[in-house]
Amino acid sequence: MLLAGAGAAMTMVVATLIERKRNGGALAPAEWRELITAYTADQVPDYQMSALLMAIYFRGLSPEELAALTDAMLESGDRLDLGRRTVPAVDKHSTGGVGDKTSLLLAPMLAACGLMVPMMSGRGLGHTGGTLDKLESIPGFRTDLRLREAEDQVRRIGCALIGQTPEIAPADKRLYALRDVTATVESIPLIAASIMSKKLAEGVDGLVLDVKTGSGAFLPDPEMARTLAETMIGLGEARGCRTVALLTAMDRPLGRAAGNALEVEEAIEGLQGRGPDDLMELTYALGAEMLLVAGAAADRRDAQRKLGHVIESGAALDRLRAIIEAQGGNPAVVDDPGALPQAPVERIWEAPVAGIVSRVEPRRIGRAIMALGGGRMKVDDAIDPAVGFVITARPGDLVARGQPLATIHARDDSGARAAAQALAEAIVIGEPAAPLPLISHRITRDGVEPL
């Protein structure tokens, strides 16, 4: 092996690789493979891998290096095995935002359309929410299924909603933890390798990416968001996974609800056909792309018809009940929102002046949810699933002084007061401003299509 040996000898070999990357050079595919293998086996210390991550942050990766790192991370663990199947498997990934609960709708909708949906999601960190935290606000719901459990559930009911299992891409799990504490998260090649190593381990035939842009996005700059989308599409397509991306707006929260249990309730309303317009428009757009990459719809019109049918017939809602019950949760939440965690304090927030809503700043909303206890600064922080906001104000709305614009859900009066101050800063009433289009571009292996 290139990295054979132990102790000081291996330390010197890895130091040489770090030096080469620091100076703008490239590591060969075999070096990436053996480096990741050694790191996963605890033969490379975190401090050396941290130094390499920082070198990548500044120097980037060549296309060949990115492919090799992604494959090495993918091969560091097991893969989902759905066995012989006659229906396609498909998934969706979002780069995250405030109020983004589309996964909670899409998984049961696509499963009700007859596809397999092995959906692996993450937790919230910073101002953005996480699908796992939302799911775990359902009493009893388990997201920590082992790989074999998830495989069995997907075969039985078409869907499993899980976190990254210990068996899948363990190298990614360790590297992400290092990136989080070494200020190397915002690196496009590292983000792409992390996301795609996990998604490719699901064994899906198609993948749809929801890449956010705007003030509340992880990558606010549209050009960086587009580059990330194109990078992930290249990785997926080269490995036989049809991959499509939509660039979508995160300069305001998606839907009305922001906060874990509140978002579950709104997702259920969406499956009942009563969701907010923007949430449903994006959900249908992403769902149509999922059907198309899976080859399960003749065209976009056919895809939209199939999605509408599973909502109108109640099939998607029934599938959500089945998923919740299979994963240990209380399916009564589907029919009784009161079965979800409830905040003890509710306060209406009213417009302080008359005028036009120019902004509803998602990053400020997300940070306010964290301050209420509904988010985490560190991965192991406990969260309060009941707190958050239901915000009816939208950019462009003409409002009267004293008009209700939001409802605060807090654990105590002091939290409610702080939340009210946050809303006063986040909801700006003043000059009209043009929000970003909800969906601006569709990106495929063939290029970028403005929408």
Protein backbone atom coordinates (compact mmCIF):
# COMPACT_ATOMS: atom_id res chain seq x y z
CA MET A 1 0.00 0.00 0.00
CA LEU A 2 1.08 3.56 -0.61
CA LEU A 3 0.36 4.35 3.02
CA ALA A 4 1.64 1.09 4.46
CA GLY A 5 3.36 1.32 7.79
CA ALA A 6 2.54 2.73 11.17
CA GLY A 7 3.41 5.54 13.50
CA ALA A 8 6.03 8.03 12.37
CA ALA A 9 6.47 6.46 8.92
CA MET A 10 2.80 6.81 8.02
CA THR A 11 2.68 10.32 9.52
CA MET A 12 5.47 11.38 7.18
CA VAL A 13 3.75 9.84 4.13
CA VAL A 14 0.49 11.67 4.88
CA ALA A 15 2.43 14.88 5.55
CA THR A 16 3.85 14.60 2.03
CA LEU A 17 0.33 14.35 0.59
CA ILE A 18 -0.79 17.38 2.61
CA GLU A 19 2.23 19.34 1.37
CA ARG A 20 1.51 18.44 -2.24
CA LYS A 21 -2.13 19.55 -1.98
CA ARG A 22 -1.14 22.70 -0.06
CA ASN A 23 1.18 23.63 -2.91
CA GLY A 24 -1.53 23.16 -5.54
CA GLY A 25 -0.68 19.63 -6.64
CA ALA A 26 -3.00 16.67 -7.02
CA LEU A 27 -3.28 13.30 -5.33
CA ALA A 28 -3.65 10.22 -7.52
CA PRO A 29 -6.84 8.11 -7.30
CA ALA A 30 -4.95 5.30 -5.58
CA GLU A 31 -3.65 7.76 -2.98
CA TRP A 32 -7.15 9.02 -2.22
CA ARG A 33 -8.47 5.47 -1.91
CA GLU A 34 -5.74 4.34 0.46
CA LEU A 35 -5.79 7.57 2.46
CA ILE A 36 -9.53 7.30 3.11
CA THR A 37 -9.20 3.60 3.92
CA ALA A 38 -6.44 4.34 6.42
CA TYR A 39 -8.36 7.23 7.98
CA THR A 40 -11.49 5.12 8.41
CA ALA A 41 -9.33 2.48 10.12
CA ASP A 42 -7.96 5.10 12.57
CA GLN A 43 -4.48 4.94 11.03
CA VAL A 44 -4.44 8.67 10.14
CA PRO A 45 -4.94 11.19 12.96
CA ASP A 46 -7.65 13.86 12.83
CA TYR A 47 -5.08 16.67 12.94
CA GLN A 48 -3.53 15.53 9.67
CA MET A 49 -6.87 15.06 7.97
CA SER A 50 -7.89 18.53 9.20
CA ALA A 51 -4.80 20.00 7.58
CA LEU A 52 -5.63 18.26 4.32
CA LEU A 53 -9.21 19.55 4.44
CA MET A 54 -7.94 23.10 4.84
CA ALA A 55 -5.59 22.61 1.88
CA ILE A 56 -8.58 21.41 -0.19
CA TYR A 57 -10.62 24.39 1.00
CA PHE A 58 -8.04 26.79 -0.46
CA ARG A 59 -6.73 24.74 -3.41
CA GLY A 60 -9.84 22.82 -4.49
CA LEU A 61 -9.84 19.42 -6.20
CA SER A 62 -9.35 18.51 -9.84
CA PRO A 63 -12.25 16.60 -11.46
CA GLU A 64 -10.23 13.40 -11.22
CA GLU A 65 -9.50 14.01 -7.55
CA LEU A 66 -13.15 14.78 -6.79
CA ALA A 67 -14.25 11.55 -8.47
CA ALA A 68 -11.62 9.56 -6.57
CA LEU A 69 -12.52 11.09 -3.20
CA THR A 70 -16.24 10.50 -3.77
CA ASP A 71 -15.65 6.88 -4.73
CA ALA A 72 -13.33 6.32 -1.77
CA MET A 73 -15.93 7.70 0.65
CA LEU A 74 -18.65 5.62 -1.02
CA GLU A 75 -16.53 2.48 -0.77
CA SER A 76 -15.65 3.10 2.89
CA GLY A 77 -18.94 1.47 3.91
CA ASP A 78 -21.89 -0.61 2.80
CA ARG A 79 -24.66 0.21 0.34
CA LEU A 80 -28.41 -0.15 0.42
CA ASP A 81 -29.44 -3.39 -1.29
CA LEU A 82 -33.03 -3.38 -2.49
CA GLY A 83 -32.57 -6.72 -4.25
CA ARG A 84 -34.17 -7.59 -7.54
CA ARG A 85 -36.83 -5.01 -8.23
CA THR A 86 -39.20 -4.10 -11.00
CA VAL A 87 -39.75 -0.47 -9.95
CA PRO A 88 -37.21 2.38 -9.93
CA ALA A 89 -35.68 3.85 -6.79
CA VAL A 90 -35.37 7.62 -6.51
CA ASP A 91 -34.40 10.24 -3.94
CA LYS A 92 -34.17 13.99 -3.49
CA HIS A 93 -31.67 16.18 -1.66
CA SER A 94 -31.98 19.80 -0.57
CA THR A 95 -29.08 22.01 0.42
CA GLY A 96 -31.31 23.31 3.23
CA GLY A 97 -33.27 26.34 4.26
CA VAL A 98 -35.84 27.77 6.64
CA GLY A 99 -39.29 26.19 6.38
CA ASP A 100 -38.10 23.63 3.81
CA LYS A 101 -40.28 20.60 4.53
CA THR A 102 -40.66 19.26 0.97
CA SER A 103 -39.07 15.90 1.89
CA LEU A 104 -41.94 15.22 4.28
CA LEU A 105 -44.38 15.50 1.36
CA LEU A 106 -42.31 14.02 -1.44
CA ALA A 107 -41.36 10.73 0.21
CA PRO A 108 -44.95 9.49 0.72
CA MET A 109 -46.12 11.04 -2.57
CA LEU A 110 -43.51 9.25 -4.66
CA ALA A 111 -43.96 6.00 -2.75
CA ALA A 112 -47.72 6.27 -3.41
CA CYS A 113 -46.85 6.69 -7.10
CA GLY A 114 -45.28 3.23 -6.97
CA LEU A 115 -41.57 4.13 -6.65
CA MET A 116 -39.04 3.08 -4.03
CA VAL A 117 -37.85 6.04 -1.95
CA PRO A 118 -34.91 5.28 0.37
CA MET A 119 -34.63 8.83 1.68
CA MET A 120 -31.60 9.55 3.85
CA SER A 121 -31.67 12.98 5.50
CA GLY A 122 -29.73 15.07 7.99
CA ARG A 123 -30.18 17.14 11.11
CA GLY A 124 -30.41 20.90 11.31
CA LEU A 125 -27.25 22.79 12.11
CA GLY A 126 -27.01 26.55 12.28
CA HIS A 127 -29.98 28.53 11.00
CA THR A 128 -31.33 25.79 8.69
CA GLY A 129 -33.72 23.06 9.79
CA GLY A 130 -33.15 19.32 9.42
CA THR A 131 -35.58 16.68 8.17
CA LEU A 132 -34.58 14.22 10.91
CA ASP A 133 -35.43 16.74 13.65
CA LYS A 134 -38.81 17.34 12.06
CA LEU A 135 -39.55 13.63 11.86
CA GLU A 136 -38.47 13.07 15.45
CA SER A 137 -41.01 15.64 16.63
CA ILE A 138 -43.55 12.89 15.85
CA PRO A 139 -43.86 10.99 19.16
CA GLY A 140 -41.96 7.69 18.97
CA PHE A 141 -40.65 8.13 15.42
CA ARG A 142 -37.30 6.37 14.85
CA THR A 143 -34.86 7.70 12.28
CA ASP A 144 -31.96 5.49 13.45
CA LEU A 145 -32.86 2.39 11.44
CA ARG A 146 -30.02 0.06 10.61
CA LEU A 147 -29.29 -0.60 6.97
CA ARG A 148 -31.07 -3.97 6.83
CA GLU A 149 -34.14 -2.53 8.59
CA ALA A 150 -34.33 0.29 6.05
CA GLU A 151 -33.98 -2.12 3.13
CA ASP A 152 -36.81 -4.31 4.45
CA GLN A 153 -39.09 -1.31 5.00
CA VAL A 154 -38.50 0.09 1.51
CA ARG A 155 -39.35 -3.30 0.02
CA ARG A 156 -42.54 -3.55 2.12
CA ILE A 157 -44.03 -0.05 1.90
CA GLY A 158 -41.89 1.74 -0.66
CA CYS A 159 -40.17 4.25 1.61
CA ALA A 160 -37.92 4.70 4.63
CA LEU A 161 -37.03 8.08 6.16
CA ILE A 162 -33.71 7.62 7.90
CA GLY A 163 -30.50 9.26 9.03
CA GLN A 164 -27.06 8.25 7.83
CA THR A 165 -26.55 4.75 9.20
CA PRO A 166 -23.18 3.68 10.66
CA GLU A 167 -22.76 1.35 7.68
CA ILE A 168 -23.11 4.01 4.94
CA ALA A 169 -20.11 6.18 4.00
CA PRO A 170 -18.52 6.20 7.48
CA ALA A 171 -15.60 8.20 6.09
CA ASP A 172 -18.01 10.99 5.17
CA LYS A 173 -19.49 11.03 8.67
CA ARG A 174 -16.04 11.50 10.21
CA LEU A 175 -14.89 14.04 7.65
CA TYR A 176 -18.06 16.10 8.04
CA ALA A 177 -17.51 16.29 11.79
CA LEU A 178 -13.98 17.59 11.14
CA ARG A 179 -15.17 20.10 8.55
CA ASP A 180 -17.72 21.46 11.01
CA VAL A 181 -15.06 22.33 13.59
CA THR A 182 -12.31 23.44 11.19
CA ALA A 183 -14.24 26.05 9.14
CA THR A 184 -13.98 23.95 5.97
CA VAL A 185 -17.68 23.22 5.42
CA GLU A 186 -18.16 25.77 2.61
CA SER A 187 -16.04 24.02 0.01
CA ILE A 188 -17.89 23.00 -3.15
CA PRO A 189 -15.86 19.82 -3.85
CA LEU A 190 -16.13 18.70 -0.22
CA ILE A 191 -19.89 19.42 -0.15
CA ALA A 192 -20.39 17.56 -3.42
CA ALA A 193 -18.36 14.52 -2.37
CA SER A 194 -20.17 14.38 0.98
CA ILE A 195 -23.68 14.56 -0.47
CA MET A 196 -23.11 12.28 -3.42
CA SER A 197 -21.23 9.54 -1.55
CA LYS A 198 -24.29 9.12 0.70
CA LYS A 199 -26.88 9.39 -2.06
CA LEU A 200 -25.06 6.97 -4.37
CA ALA A 201 -24.85 4.49 -1.47
CA GLU A 202 -28.65 4.32 -1.55
CA GLY A 203 -28.47 2.60 -4.92
CA VAL A 204 -31.04 4.93 -6.50
CA ASP A 205 -31.68 5.14 -10.22
CA GLY A 206 -32.42 8.86 -10.12
CA LEU A 207 -31.69 11.83 -7.87
CA VAL A 208 -33.19 15.32 -7.84
CA LEU A 209 -31.27 18.15 -6.18
CA ASP A 210 -32.93 21.22 -4.69
CA VAL A 211 -30.08 23.73 -4.55
CA LYS A 212 -31.04 26.86 -2.63
CA THR A 213 -29.85 30.37 -3.36
CA GLY A 214 -30.53 33.73 -1.75
CA SER A 215 -29.90 35.35 1.62
CA GLY A 216 -31.04 32.38 3.70
CA ALA A 217 -29.26 29.70 1.68
CA PHE A 218 -26.14 27.83 2.67
CA LEU A 219 -24.58 29.17 -0.55
CA PRO A 220 -26.26 32.57 -1.10
CA ASP A 221 -24.38 33.34 -4.33
CA PRO A 222 -26.29 32.00 -7.38
CA GLU A 223 -23.08 31.24 -9.28
CA MET A 224 -21.71 29.11 -6.44
CA ALA A 225 -25.06 27.34 -6.14
CA ARG A 226 -25.01 26.60 -9.86
CA THR A 227 -21.43 25.33 -9.69
CA LEU A 228 -22.35 23.00 -6.82
CA ALA A 229 -25.35 21.69 -8.77
CA GLU A 230 -23.28 21.04 -11.88
CA THR A 231 -20.57 19.33 -9.83
CA MET A 232 -23.04 16.94 -8.17
CA ILE A 233 -24.80 16.23 -11.47
CA GLY A 234 -21.47 15.26 -13.00
CA LEU A 235 -20.72 12.86 -10.15
CA GLY A 236 -24.15 11.24 -10.32
CA GLU A 237 -24.35 10.88 -14.09
CA ALA A 238 -20.86 9.38 -14.30
CA ARG A 239 -21.99 6.65 -11.88
CA GLY A 240 -25.18 5.73 -13.68
CA CYS A 241 -27.58 7.82 -11.58
CA ARG A 242 -29.78 10.22 -13.54
CA THR A 243 -29.33 13.52 -11.72
CA VAL A 244 -31.20 16.79 -12.16
CA ALA A 245 -31.08 20.01 -10.11
CA LEU A 246 -33.48 22.88 -9.61
CA LEU A 247 -32.15 26.22 -8.33
CA THR A 248 -34.74 27.54 -5.88
CA ALA A 249 -35.26 30.63 -3.74
CA MET A 250 -34.29 30.92 -0.09
CA ASP A 251 -34.57 34.71 0.29
CA ARG A 252 -37.75 34.11 2.36
CA PRO A 253 -38.99 31.08 4.33
CA LEU A 254 -40.71 28.34 2.36
CA GLY A 255 -44.36 27.95 3.31
CA ARG A 256 -45.74 29.47 6.49
CA ALA A 257 -44.40 27.19 9.25
CA ALA A 258 -40.82 27.30 10.54
CA GLY A 259 -40.02 24.97 13.44
CA ASN A 260 -39.99 21.18 13.68
CA ALA A 261 -43.48 20.10 14.81
CA LEU A 262 -45.07 23.09 13.09
CA GLU A 263 -43.51 22.03 9.79
CA VAL A 264 -44.74 18.46 10.21
CA GLU A 265 -48.25 19.82 10.67
CA GLU A 266 -47.94 21.97 7.55
CA ALA A 267 -46.58 19.03 5.53
CA ILE A 268 -49.63 16.99 6.57
CA GLU A 269 -51.85 19.86 5.45
CA GLY A 270 -50.02 19.75 2.11
CA LEU A 271 -50.75 16.04 1.73
CA GLN A 272 -54.39 16.87 2.48
CA GLY A 273 -54.36 19.36 -0.41
CA ARG A 274 -54.31 22.42 1.88
CA GLY A 275 -50.65 23.46 1.78
CA PRO A 276 -49.36 26.99 1.08
CA ASP A 277 -49.05 27.82 -2.61
CA ASP A 278 -45.26 28.21 -2.68
CA LEU A 279 -44.67 24.97 -0.78
CA MET A 280 -46.96 23.02 -3.08
CA GLU A 281 -45.55 24.58 -6.25
CA LEU A 282 -42.03 23.56 -5.30
CA THR A 283 -43.13 20.12 -4.08
CA TYR A 284 -44.90 19.40 -7.38
CA ALA A 285 -41.92 20.66 -9.39
CA LEU A 286 -39.45 18.47 -7.50
CA GLY A 287 -41.82 15.50 -7.53
CA ALA A 288 -42.28 15.78 -11.29
CA GLU A 289 -38.51 15.73 -11.78
CA MET A 290 -38.26 12.65 -9.54
CA LEU A 291 -40.82 10.79 -11.65
CA LEU A 292 -39.05 11.84 -14.83
CA VAL A 293 -35.54 10.77 -13.78
CA ALA A 294 -37.03 7.45 -12.67
CA GLY A 295 -38.67 6.98 -16.06
CA ALA A 296 -42.06 6.74 -14.32
CA ALA A 297 -43.82 9.51 -16.27
CA ALA A 298 -44.13 10.19 -19.98
CA ASP A 299 -43.64 13.92 -19.59
CA ARG A 300 -43.99 16.72 -17.04
CA ARG A 301 -47.74 16.98 -17.55
CA ASP A 302 -48.15 13.26 -16.88
CA ALA A 303 -45.94 13.57 -13.79
CA GLN A 304 -48.02 16.43 -12.41
CA ARG A 305 -51.22 14.44 -13.02
CA LYS A 306 -49.87 11.44 -11.10
CA LEU A 307 -48.78 13.59 -8.16
CA GLY A 308 -52.14 15.33 -8.06
CA HIS A 309 -53.93 11.99 -8.03
CA VAL A 310 -52.10 10.64 -4.96
CA ILE A 311 -52.95 13.84 -3.09
CA GLU A 312 -56.61 13.95 -4.15
CA SER A 313 -57.19 10.25 -3.54
CA GLY A 314 -55.59 10.31 -0.09
CA ALA A 315 -53.03 7.69 -1.14
CA ALA A 316 -50.06 9.89 -0.19
CA LEU A 317 -51.53 10.62 3.23
CA ASP A 318 -52.17 6.90 3.78
CA ARG A 319 -48.56 6.18 2.85
CA LEU A 320 -47.36 8.72 5.41
CA ARG A 321 -49.41 6.92 8.08
CA ALA A 322 -47.79 3.64 7.08
CA ILE A 323 -44.28 5.14 7.23
CA ILE A 324 -44.89 6.68 10.66
CA GLU A 325 -46.29 3.42 12.05
CA ALA A 326 -43.47 1.33 10.55
CA GLN A 327 -40.85 3.57 12.20
CA GLY A 328 -42.44 3.49 15.64
CA GLY A 329 -44.25 6.81 15.51
CA ASN A 330 -47.79 7.71 16.44
CA PRO A 331 -49.85 7.77 13.20
CA ALA A 332 -52.61 9.70 15.01
CA VAL A 333 -50.66 12.91 14.24
CA VAL A 334 -51.90 12.65 10.65
CA ASP A 335 -55.48 13.26 11.75
CA ASP A 336 -54.91 15.11 15.02
CA PRO A 337 -52.23 17.85 14.99
CA GLY A 338 -52.70 18.11 18.76
CA ALA A 339 -50.80 14.81 19.06
CA LEU A 340 -47.65 16.69 18.01
CA PRO A 341 -45.64 18.61 20.64
CA GLN A 342 -47.35 21.90 21.52
CA ALA A 343 -45.61 25.05 22.76
CA PRO A 344 -47.16 26.36 26.00
CA VAL A 345 -46.97 30.02 24.92
CA GLU A 346 -48.49 31.45 21.73
CA ARG A 347 -48.36 35.12 20.79
CA ILE A 348 -49.68 36.95 17.74
CA TRP A 349 -47.20 39.37 16.17
CA GLU A 350 -48.81 42.35 14.44
CA ALA A 351 -47.53 44.79 11.85
CA PRO A 352 -46.04 47.79 13.67
CA VAL A 353 -46.78 50.12 10.74
CA ALA A 354 -48.81 50.11 7.54
CA GLY A 355 -47.02 49.53 4.27
CA ILE A 356 -45.64 46.87 1.94
CA VAL A 357 -43.68 43.88 3.21
CA SER A 358 -40.34 44.19 1.44
CA ARG A 359 -38.49 41.28 3.11
CA VAL A 360 -39.03 38.29 5.36
CA GLU A 361 -35.42 37.44 6.18
CA PRO A 362 -35.02 33.63 6.54
CA ARG A 363 -31.61 33.65 8.20
CA ARG A 364 -32.92 35.88 10.99
CA ILE A 365 -35.98 33.65 11.38
CA GLY A 366 -33.80 30.55 11.58
CA ARG A 367 -31.56 32.08 14.22
CA ALA A 368 -34.62 33.11 16.24
CA ILE A 369 -35.83 29.50 16.21
CA MET A 370 -32.43 28.45 17.53
CA ALA A 371 -32.72 31.05 20.32
CA LEU A 372 -36.16 29.65 21.18
CA GLY A 373 -34.56 26.22 21.60
CA GLY A 374 -35.72 24.76 18.30
CA GLY A 375 -32.29 24.44 16.69
CA ARG A 376 -28.77 23.49 17.68
CA MET A 377 -25.34 25.04 17.66
CA LYS A 378 -23.68 21.62 18.05
CA VAL A 379 -24.83 18.29 16.63
CA ASP A 380 -25.52 16.82 20.10
CA ASP A 381 -27.57 19.79 21.44
CA ALA A 382 -31.09 18.92 22.58
CA ILE A 383 -33.90 20.79 20.85
CA ASP A 384 -37.47 21.77 21.69
CA PRO A 385 -39.60 20.37 18.82
CA ALA A 386 -42.64 22.57 19.57
CA VAL A 387 -41.21 26.08 19.19
CA GLY A 388 -41.10 28.23 16.08
CA PHE A 389 -43.20 30.54 13.95
CA VAL A 390 -46.16 30.48 11.61
CA ILE A 391 -45.60 33.48 9.35
CA THR A 392 -48.36 34.62 7.01
CA ALA A 393 -46.54 37.73 5.74
CA ARG A 394 -45.08 37.50 2.23
CA PRO A 395 -42.85 39.93 0.35
CA GLY A 396 -45.10 42.25 -1.63
CA ASP A 397 -48.06 42.05 0.77
CA LEU A 398 -49.82 45.32 1.55
CA VAL A 399 -50.49 45.32 5.31
CA ALA A 400 -52.32 47.57 7.75
CA ARG A 401 -50.94 48.66 11.10
CA GLY A 402 -51.96 46.08 13.71
CA GLN A 403 -52.61 43.33 11.15
CA PRO A 404 -51.54 39.87 12.40
CA LEU A 405 -48.48 38.72 10.40
CA ALA A 406 -47.14 35.82 12.46
CA THR A 407 -47.77 33.55 15.43
CA ILE A 408 -44.95 32.88 17.89
CA HIS A 409 -44.76 29.44 19.53
CA ALA A 410 -42.46 29.61 22.58
CA ARG A 411 -41.74 27.70 25.77
CA ASP A 412 -42.07 30.77 28.02
CA ASP A 413 -42.87 34.48 28.04
CA SER A 414 -39.26 35.60 27.85
CA GLY A 415 -38.73 33.48 24.76
CA ALA A 416 -41.86 34.95 23.20
CA ARG A 417 -40.61 38.49 23.84
CA ALA A 418 -37.24 37.73 22.26
CA ALA A 419 -38.99 36.10 19.31
CA ALA A 420 -41.15 39.19 18.82
CA GLN A 421 -38.03 41.33 18.64
CA ALA A 422 -36.54 38.94 16.08
CA LEU A 423 -39.68 39.20 13.94
CA ALA A 424 -39.46 43.00 14.10
CA GLU A 425 -35.99 42.71 12.56
CA ALA A 426 -36.82 39.92 10.09
CA ILE A 427 -40.11 41.23 8.65
CA VAL A 428 -39.26 44.52 6.99
CA ILE A 429 -42.09 46.85 5.96
CA GLY A 430 -40.96 49.55 3.59
CA GLU A 431 -40.16 49.95 -0.08
CA PRO A 432 -41.35 47.21 -2.46
CA ALA A 433 -38.64 44.71 -3.38
CA ALA A 434 -38.65 41.97 -5.99
CA PRO A 435 -38.19 38.52 -4.42
CA LEU A 436 -36.24 35.84 -6.25
CA PRO A 437 -38.26 33.53 -8.50
CA LEU A 438 -39.25 30.42 -6.56
CA ILE A 439 -37.59 28.20 -9.18
CA SER A 440 -35.06 29.97 -11.38
CA HIS A 441 -33.18 27.27 -13.31
CA ARG A 442 -33.27 23.59 -14.21
CA ILE A 443 -29.84 22.03 -14.58
CA THR A 444 -29.10 18.70 -16.25
CA ARG A 445 -26.12 16.98 -17.84
CA ASP A 446 -27.10 18.84 -21.02
CA GLY A 447 -26.86 22.32 -19.55
CA VAL A 448 -28.70 25.09 -17.73
CA GLU A 449 -32.30 25.99 -18.58
CA PRO A 450 -33.74 29.26 -17.20
CA LEU A 451 -37.33 28.85 -16.02
